[in-house]
């Protein structure tokens, strides 16, 4: 299943968990968010020193800006934005 998460700030946790389970996930964010995440990577810490580092790229989390995404290429869309 090809998933699309709109909102890199709020949606990155869900995207990381989907990618860790083996699903393809595109995450749409503002250009500055996408650039920062691309340069720093994704590392999500949990209690008890557990850390989730999802796969990146086509086999995991793929970061895109609004101008780079084609919604029709995805089977499911998650909207994760602040109201």
Protein backbone atom coordinates (compact mmCIF):
# COMPACT_ATOMS: atom_id res chain seq x y z
CA UNK A 1 0.00 0.00 0.00
CA UNK A 2 1.27 3.45 -0.89
CA UNK A 3 0.54 5.95 1.88
CA UNK A 4 0.62 9.73 1.77
CA UNK A 5 0.96 11.78 4.94
CA UNK A 6 0.21 15.47 4.54
CA UNK A 7 1.96 17.38 7.29
CA UNK A 8 5.59 16.54 8.08
CA UNK A 9 5.53 18.18 11.49
CA UNK A 10 2.57 16.28 12.98
CA UNK A 11 2.57 13.28 10.66
CA UNK A 12 6.16 12.13 10.92
CA UNK A 13 5.53 9.71 13.81
CA UNK A 14 2.74 7.91 11.92
CA UNK A 15 4.85 7.89 8.76
CA UNK A 16 7.86 6.45 10.60
CA UNK A 17 5.75 3.67 12.11
CA UNK A 18 4.23 2.80 8.73
CA UNK A 19 7.69 2.74 7.12
CA UNK A 20 9.07 0.58 9.94
CA UNK A 21 6.29 -1.93 9.21
CA UNK A 22 7.47 -2.16 5.59
CA UNK A 23 5.00 0.19 3.93
CA UNK A 24 5.87 2.93 1.47
CA UNK A 25 5.11 6.42 2.80
CA UNK A 26 5.40 9.83 1.17
CA UNK A 27 5.41 12.74 3.61
CA UNK A 28 4.47 16.21 2.38
CA UNK A 29 5.97 19.16 4.20
CA UNK A 30 6.98 22.74 3.73
CA UNK A 31 10.25 23.08 1.79
CA UNK A 32 12.18 24.14 4.91
CA UNK A 33 10.82 21.16 6.89
CA UNK A 34 11.68 18.73 4.11
CA UNK A 35 15.20 20.14 3.77
CA UNK A 36 15.80 19.92 7.52
CA UNK A 37 14.52 16.35 7.79
CA UNK A 38 16.51 15.28 4.72
CA UNK A 39 19.71 16.67 6.22
CA UNK A 40 19.16 15.46 9.81
CA UNK A 41 17.23 12.24 9.21
CA UNK A 42 14.45 10.85 11.35
CA UNK A 43 15.06 9.57 14.85
CA UNK A 44 12.09 9.23 17.21
CA UNK A 45 12.73 8.49 20.88
CA UNK A 46 10.33 6.66 23.18
CA UNK A 47 10.33 5.71 26.86
CA UNK A 48 12.91 3.19 28.09
CA UNK A 49 15.49 4.51 25.60
CA UNK A 50 13.72 2.92 22.61
CA UNK A 51 14.51 4.71 19.34
CA UNK A 52 12.75 4.35 16.00
CA UNK A 53 14.88 5.11 12.94
CA UNK A 54 12.68 4.34 9.92
CA UNK A 55 14.01 3.42 6.49
CA UNK A 56 14.23 6.42 4.20
CA UNK A 57 13.76 6.81 0.44
CA UNK A 58 11.59 4.75 -1.88
CA UNK A 59 11.61 1.76 0.49
CA UNK A 60 10.48 3.81 3.50
CA UNK A 61 9.79 7.47 4.24
CA UNK A 62 10.05 9.64 1.13
CA UNK A 63 9.97 13.38 1.81
CA UNK A 64 8.32 15.66 -0.73
CA UNK A 65 7.12 19.25 -1.00
CA UNK A 66 3.59 20.08 -2.20
CA UNK A 67 4.85 20.68 -5.74
CA UNK A 68 6.54 17.26 -5.88
CA UNK A 69 3.60 15.05 -4.89
CA UNK A 70 1.00 13.33 -7.07
CA UNK A 71 -1.90 12.32 -4.84
CA UNK A 72 -3.23 9.87 -7.44
CA UNK A 73 -0.16 7.64 -6.92
CA UNK A 74 -1.26 6.78 -3.37
CA UNK A 75 -3.82 4.36 -1.95
CA UNK A 76 -4.38 6.12 1.38
CA UNK A 77 -4.01 9.74 2.51
CA UNK A 78 -3.48 10.86 6.11
CA UNK A 79 -4.02 14.51 7.00
CA UNK A 80 -1.87 15.48 9.98
CA UNK A 81 -1.92 19.26 10.32
CA UNK A 82 -2.62 21.78 13.03
CA UNK A 83 -6.11 23.25 12.96
